Amino acid sequence: MHLLTAAPTTAAKPTVLTNVVLALFRVLVGVSFAFHGCSTLFGKPVAPHGALPAVGAWPSWWAGMIELVAGAAVALGLGTRIAALLCSGAMAYAFLTVHLKHGILPIKNGGEPAVLFCWSFFLIAIIGPGPYSLDALIGRYRRGSAD
């Protein structure tokens, strides 16, 4: 039986380890992104690349808000798929409008963080938050089971 042509008979059920790793990945990516937002908007924990943006300034203030709010939502696992998709789109926009004009390769144009965040958030949007998230907790509460 060839690996590329074999059709799986049943879907593999995620293990506890898989769920823990997904939760850690989601939290670390979300918190890292939220820190970018804090830096952009408030200059904390580190100063941004330039001056702090004025409230409502396009695109830096809006990018900072997406990074802070949606990054925190992903870390908490709250509205995860939508928040992660918004984060992914924001990083795709950043790569296309800021980095691509300096070359196509992310290692050359300084876009490696944008690419990694973009695809990490896209993965989270597709896979979902996993069972260790507020989304899952809310879902269990709505179904009436407290397990």
C-alpha atoms as a PDB file:
ATOM      1  CA  MET A   1       0.000   0.000   0.000  1.00  0.00           C
ATOM      2  CA  HIS A   2       1.545   3.315  -1.095  1.00  0.00           C
ATOM      3  CA  LEU A   3       1.422   6.215   1.360  1.00  0.00           C
ATOM      4  CA  LEU A   4       0.202   8.727  -1.205  1.00  0.00           C
ATOM      5  CA  THR A   5      -2.665   6.596  -2.480  1.00  0.00           C
ATOM      6  CA  ALA A   6      -3.844   4.932   0.735  1.00  0.00           C
ATOM      7  CA  ALA A   7      -7.154   6.363   1.892  1.00  0.00           C
ATOM      8  CA  PRO A   8      -7.491   6.537   5.674  1.00  0.00           C
ATOM      9  CA  THR A   9     -10.334   4.442   7.020  1.00  0.00           C
ATOM     10  CA  THR A  10     -10.877   6.592  10.103  1.00  0.00           C
ATOM     11  CA  ALA A  11      -9.691  10.001  11.177  1.00  0.00           C
ATOM     12  CA  ALA A  12      -7.053   9.956  13.880  1.00  0.00           C
ATOM     13  CA  LYS A  13      -8.286  11.312  17.195  1.00  0.00           C
ATOM     14  CA  PRO A  14      -6.010  13.963  18.689  1.00  0.00           C
ATOM     15  CA  THR A  15      -4.078  12.802  21.730  1.00  0.00           C
ATOM     16  CA  VAL A  16      -3.715  14.726  24.978  1.00  0.00           C
ATOM     17  CA  LEU A  17      -0.163  15.618  23.940  1.00  0.00           C
ATOM     18  CA  THR A  18      -1.411  16.958  20.584  1.00  0.00           C
ATOM     19  CA  ASN A  19      -4.017  19.088  22.358  1.00  0.00           C
ATOM     20  CA  VAL A  20      -1.478  20.438  24.870  1.00  0.00           C
ATOM     21  CA  VAL A  21       1.005  21.313  22.118  1.00  0.00           C
ATOM     22  CA  LEU A  22      -1.745  23.045  20.103  1.00  0.00           C
ATOM     23  CA  ALA A  23      -2.770  25.055  23.169  1.00  0.00           C
ATOM     24  CA  LEU A  24       0.834  26.059  23.902  1.00  0.00           C
ATOM     25  CA  PHE A  25       1.399  27.007  20.256  1.00  0.00           C
ATOM     26  CA  ARG A  26      -1.815  29.068  20.158  1.00  0.00           C
ATOM     27  CA  VAL A  27      -1.011  30.853  23.431  1.00  0.00           C
ATOM     28  CA  LEU A  28       2.625  31.600  22.547  1.00  0.00           C
ATOM     29  CA  VAL A  29       1.793  32.894  19.064  1.00  0.00           C
ATOM     30  CA  GLY A  30      -1.128  34.972  20.374  1.00  0.00           C
ATOM     31  CA  VAL A  31       0.820  36.474  23.283  1.00  0.00           C
ATOM     32  CA  SER A  32       3.796  37.277  21.032  1.00  0.00           C
ATOM     33  CA  PHE A  33       1.475  39.047  18.609  1.00  0.00           C
ATOM     34  CA  ALA A  34      -0.262  40.934  21.428  1.00  0.00           C
ATOM     35  CA  PHE A  35       3.161  42.160  22.623  1.00  0.00           C
ATOM     36  CA  HIS A  36       3.789  43.531  19.128  1.00  0.00           C
ATOM     37  CA  GLY A  37       0.526  45.446  19.459  1.00  0.00           C
ATOM     38  CA  CYS A  38       1.502  46.817  22.872  1.00  0.00           C
ATOM     39  CA  SER A  39       4.836  47.964  21.484  1.00  0.00           C
ATOM     40  CA  THR A  40       3.203  49.602  18.469  1.00  0.00           C
ATOM     41  CA  LEU A  41       0.477  51.385  20.414  1.00  0.00           C
ATOM     42  CA  PHE A  42       2.113  52.157  23.771  1.00  0.00           C
ATOM     43  CA  GLY A  43       5.867  51.721  23.323  1.00  0.00           C
ATOM     44  CA  LYS A  44       5.830  48.948  25.956  1.00  0.00           C
ATOM     45  CA  PRO A  45       7.457  46.484  26.609  1.00  0.00           C
ATOM     46  CA  VAL A  46       9.829  47.838  23.924  1.00  0.00           C
ATOM     47  CA  ALA A  47       9.704  50.970  21.807  1.00  0.00           C
ATOM     48  CA  PRO A  48       8.277  50.547  18.284  1.00  0.00           C
ATOM     49  CA  HIS A  49      10.403  50.964  15.148  1.00  0.00           C
ATOM     50  CA  GLY A  50       9.292  54.576  14.784  1.00  0.00           C
ATOM     51  CA  ALA A  51       7.101  57.048  16.607  1.00  0.00           C
ATOM     52  CA  LEU A  52       3.891  55.899  18.261  1.00  0.00           C
ATOM     53  CA  PRO A  53       1.031  56.189  15.770  1.00  0.00           C
ATOM     54  CA  ALA A  54      -1.770  58.684  16.268  1.00  0.00           C
ATOM     55  CA  VAL A  55      -5.117  57.162  17.177  1.00  0.00           C
ATOM     56  CA  GLY A  56      -6.791  55.928  14.000  1.00  0.00           C
ATOM     57  CA  ALA A  57      -3.699  56.437  11.795  1.00  0.00           C
ATOM     58  CA  TRP A  58      -3.648  54.058   8.821  1.00  0.00           C
ATOM     59  CA  PRO A  59      -2.194  51.466   8.804  1.00  0.00           C
ATOM     60  CA  SER A  60       0.033  51.470  11.901  1.00  0.00           C
ATOM     61  CA  TRP A  61      -2.569  52.203  14.583  1.00  0.00           C
ATOM     62  CA  TRP A  62      -5.008  49.701  13.081  1.00  0.00           C
ATOM     63  CA  ALA A  63      -2.266  47.083  12.789  1.00  0.00           C
ATOM     64  CA  GLY A  64      -1.392  47.646  16.443  1.00  0.00           C
ATOM     65  CA  MET A  65      -5.030  47.226  17.468  1.00  0.00           C
ATOM     66  CA  ILE A  66      -5.359  43.998  15.481  1.00  0.00           C
ATOM     67  CA  GLU A  67      -2.120  42.714  16.976  1.00  0.00           C
ATOM     68  CA  LEU A  68      -3.171  43.549  20.533  1.00  0.00           C
ATOM     69  CA  VAL A  69      -6.854  42.620  20.536  1.00  0.00           C
ATOM     70  CA  ALA A  70      -6.927  39.713  18.093  1.00  0.00           C
ATOM     71  CA  GLY A  71      -3.596  38.362  19.384  1.00  0.00           C
ATOM     72  CA  ALA A  72      -4.996  38.318  22.939  1.00  0.00           C
ATOM     73  CA  ALA A  73      -8.194  36.648  21.682  1.00  0.00           C
ATOM     74  CA  VAL A  74      -6.152  33.910  19.979  1.00  0.00           C
ATOM     75  CA  ALA A  75      -4.059  33.421  23.128  1.00  0.00           C
ATOM     76  CA  LEU A  76      -7.222  33.017  25.202  1.00  0.00           C
ATOM     77  CA  GLY A  77      -8.892  30.868  22.577  1.00  0.00           C
ATOM     78  CA  LEU A  78     -11.867  33.217  22.329  1.00  0.00           C
ATOM     79  CA  GLY A  79     -13.357  33.765  18.874  1.00  0.00           C
ATOM     80  CA  THR A  80     -10.212  32.000  17.797  1.00  0.00           C
ATOM     81  CA  ARG A  81     -10.867  31.186  14.155  1.00  0.00           C
ATOM     82  CA  ILE A  82     -12.047  34.698  13.263  1.00  0.00           C
ATOM     83  CA  ALA A  83      -9.318  36.403  15.312  1.00  0.00           C
ATOM     84  CA  ALA A  84      -6.618  34.159  13.821  1.00  0.00           C
ATOM     85  CA  LEU A  85      -7.876  34.801  10.295  1.00  0.00           C
ATOM     86  CA  LEU A  86      -7.780  38.559  10.951  1.00  0.00           C
ATOM     87  CA  CYS A  87      -4.222  38.272  12.287  1.00  0.00           C
ATOM     88  CA  SER A  88      -3.163  36.163   9.313  1.00  0.00           C
ATOM     89  CA  GLY A  89      -4.633  38.681   6.885  1.00  0.00           C
ATOM     90  CA  ALA A  90      -2.953  41.577   8.664  1.00  0.00           C
ATOM     91  CA  MET A  91       0.427  39.880   8.307  1.00  0.00           C
ATOM     92  CA  ALA A  92      -0.190  39.012   4.663  1.00  0.00           C
ATOM     93  CA  TYR A  93      -1.020  42.698   4.076  1.00  0.00           C
ATOM     94  CA  ALA A  94       2.145  43.749   5.929  1.00  0.00           C
ATOM     95  CA  PHE A  95       4.288  41.411   3.853  1.00  0.00           C
ATOM     96  CA  LEU A  96       2.751  42.505   0.553  1.00  0.00           C
ATOM     97  CA  THR A  97       2.797  46.252   1.226  1.00  0.00           C
ATOM     98  CA  VAL A  98       5.933  46.707   3.343  1.00  0.00           C
ATOM     99  CA  HIS A  99       8.354  43.859   2.734  1.00  0.00           C
ATOM    100  CA  LEU A 100       7.781  42.658  -0.828  1.00  0.00           C
ATOM    101  CA  LYS A 101       9.116  45.874  -2.383  1.00  0.00           C
ATOM    102  CA  HIS A 102      12.526  44.991  -0.887  1.00  0.00           C
ATOM    103  CA  GLY A 103      12.682  41.574  -2.594  1.00  0.00           C
ATOM    104  CA  ILE A 104      10.673  38.384  -2.755  1.00  0.00           C
ATOM    105  CA  LEU A 105      12.629  36.349  -0.196  1.00  0.00           C
ATOM    106  CA  PRO A 106      11.542  36.987   3.405  1.00  0.00           C
ATOM    107  CA  ILE A 107      15.104  36.508   4.670  1.00  0.00           C
ATOM    108  CA  LYS A 108      16.199  39.328   2.352  1.00  0.00           C
ATOM    109  CA  ASN A 109      13.292  41.747   2.777  1.00  0.00           C
ATOM    110  CA  GLY A 110      12.926  41.520   6.576  1.00  0.00           C
ATOM    111  CA  GLY A 111       9.540  39.840   6.273  1.00  0.00           C
ATOM    112  CA  GLU A 112      10.285  36.593   8.106  1.00  0.00           C
ATOM    113  CA  PRO A 113       8.220  37.533  11.196  1.00  0.00           C
ATOM    114  CA  ALA A 114       5.302  38.588   8.986  1.00  0.00           C
ATOM    115  CA  VAL A 115       5.402  35.323   7.023  1.00  0.00           C
ATOM    116  CA  LEU A 116       5.732  33.162  10.125  1.00  0.00           C
ATOM    117  CA  PHE A 117       2.914  34.974  11.932  1.00  0.00           C
ATOM    118  CA  CYS A 118       0.747  34.868   8.799  1.00  0.00           C
ATOM    119  CA  TRP A 119       1.044  31.115   8.347  1.00  0.00           C
ATOM    120  CA  SER A 120       0.928  30.356  12.077  1.00  0.00           C
ATOM    121  CA  PHE A 121      -2.346  32.226  12.434  1.00  0.00           C
ATOM    122  CA  PHE A 122      -3.705  30.661   9.256  1.00  0.00           C
ATOM    123  CA  LEU A 123      -2.936  27.221  10.695  1.00  0.00           C
ATOM    124  CA  ILE A 124      -4.748  28.126  13.933  1.00  0.00           C
ATOM    125  CA  ALA A 125      -7.726  29.450  11.933  1.00  0.00           C
ATOM    126  CA  ILE A 126      -7.964  26.146  10.035  1.00  0.00           C
ATOM    127  CA  ILE A 127      -7.307  23.748  12.924  1.00  0.00           C
ATOM    128  CA  GLY A 128      -9.232  25.718  15.531  1.00  0.00           C
ATOM    129  CA  PRO A 129      -8.377  26.479  19.137  1.00  0.00           C
ATOM    130  CA  GLY A 130      -8.444  22.932  20.477  1.00  0.00           C
ATOM    131  CA  PRO A 131     -10.099  21.692  23.666  1.00  0.00           C
ATOM    132  CA  TYR A 132      -8.014  23.849  26.010  1.00  0.00           C
ATOM    133  CA  SER A 133      -9.541  27.194  25.063  1.00  0.00           C
ATOM    134  CA  LEU A 134     -12.341  29.507  26.103  1.00  0.00           C
ATOM    135  CA  ASP A 135     -14.163  28.614  22.870  1.00  0.00           C
ATOM    136  CA  ALA A 136     -14.208  24.947  23.920  1.00  0.00           C
ATOM    137  CA  LEU A 137     -15.214  25.815  27.481  1.00  0.00           C
ATOM    138  CA  ILE A 138     -18.113  27.939  26.224  1.00  0.00           C
ATOM    139  CA  GLY A 139     -19.135  25.142  23.856  1.00  0.00           C
ATOM    140  CA  ARG A 140     -19.184  22.604  26.701  1.00  0.00           C
ATOM    141  CA  TYR A 141     -21.212  25.007  28.868  1.00  0.00           C
ATOM    142  CA  ARG A 142     -23.746  25.563  26.079  1.00  0.00           C
ATOM    143  CA  ARG A 143     -24.154  21.817  25.596  1.00  0.00           C
ATOM    144  CA  GLY A 144     -24.790  21.493  29.336  1.00  0.00           C
ATOM    145  CA  SER A 145     -21.829  19.335  30.257  1.00  0.00           C
ATOM    146  CA  ALA A 146     -19.210  20.557  32.697  1.00  0.00           C
ATOM    147  CA  ASP A 147     -16.554  17.970  31.804  1.00  0.00           C
END
